[in-house]
Amino acid sequence: MDRMAVNLNGLELKNPVVLASGTCGYGTELLPFYNPADLGAVTLKGLTLHPVIGNRPQRLVEVRGGILNAIGLQNMGFERFCAEKYPDLAASGITAIANISGNSVEEYVTLCRGMEELDAIRAVELNVSCPNVKEGGLLFGQDPVVLKNLVSACRVAMNKPLLVKLSPCVMDIVSIARVCEEAGADLLTLINTLPGMAIDLKSRRPLIRNLTGGYSGPVLKPVALRIVHQVSVTVSIPIIGMGGVMNREDAVEFLIAGASAVGVGTATMLNPRAAMEILTGIREYVEEEGLSSVRELTGTLILDD
């Protein structure tokens, strides 16, 4: 294998840098800045079975240490994606990971079956920070039983690599990660955003119309690093680590902590070329350390006796 290539439990990437869902559209939007096919993978904007309007503005604000977003899963739905976005994506050479959401297990399963038929979609990532309408609105990722049923059903519905993107807002994320592995997940994406809010002092109103939003950016890194390490020493499936990856140092920390690849999200919104610069930085670090492969970095955290 090439020095920068990684094999994530069957998902083969030319390098360990992955664009995070919701921060890069469908990948082709970045073509004016660089060729996203040069990255390991692009995780597409989240898709649902049917179109979703999303939340009313204001739904994205910059705050200290990152951003708050409450987009509300706005998307065109699977049918329009196939007709309007997929042809260009398929021609681009991008290694694409679909990110899907649903309000029921049946919706997730239908989407998995649909993605199975799209050759350019190399893997599917489950966004489990969504309410299960059949379970009283409880988020899929918060209940181990509900989550296990979801992952198991999606595993049966599709042969492509299956990722689960986990929220840090659970009592025991290590147990949740184990449930995903036992149910057939091939990879984990850690972590999703943290809930937060901000207030306008003049109006005394929330800056986010929805009151709260997902907090992402560099402030998340210490939390995400801790979770990646805790989970990596417990499960045997690979992890894509993300949360505040802004430069090569951040990315290498995630690899050392136990991630096999790193996700770049908010950084792309500040600098469209951030992921490529981070990839160059990782490659330079591997060369500086005299490593034969980036794979040698994963899980090399040294702990004192």
Foldseek 3Di string as FASTA:
>chain_A
DAQAWDQFLNLTFPHQEEADAPFCAAQVVLVVPHQLLVGRAYEHHEAFQAADQFDDPPAWDADPFFIFGRRRSGDHHDVCCVVPPLVVLQVRNGQYEYEYEDQALVRLLVVLLVLQPRPSHQEYEYEQQWFNVVVVGDGCLADLVSVLVSLLSSVVSHDHAYEYEHEPPYPDVLVSLVSNVVSPHQEYEFHWFDKDWDADPVVRHTNGPVRIGGGAAQVFLVVQLVVLLVNQVRDDGAYATEGHPQAQVSFLSSQQSAHQHYYDHRNCVVPVCRSVRNRVSLVVVCVVVVHSHSNVRHNNDDDDD
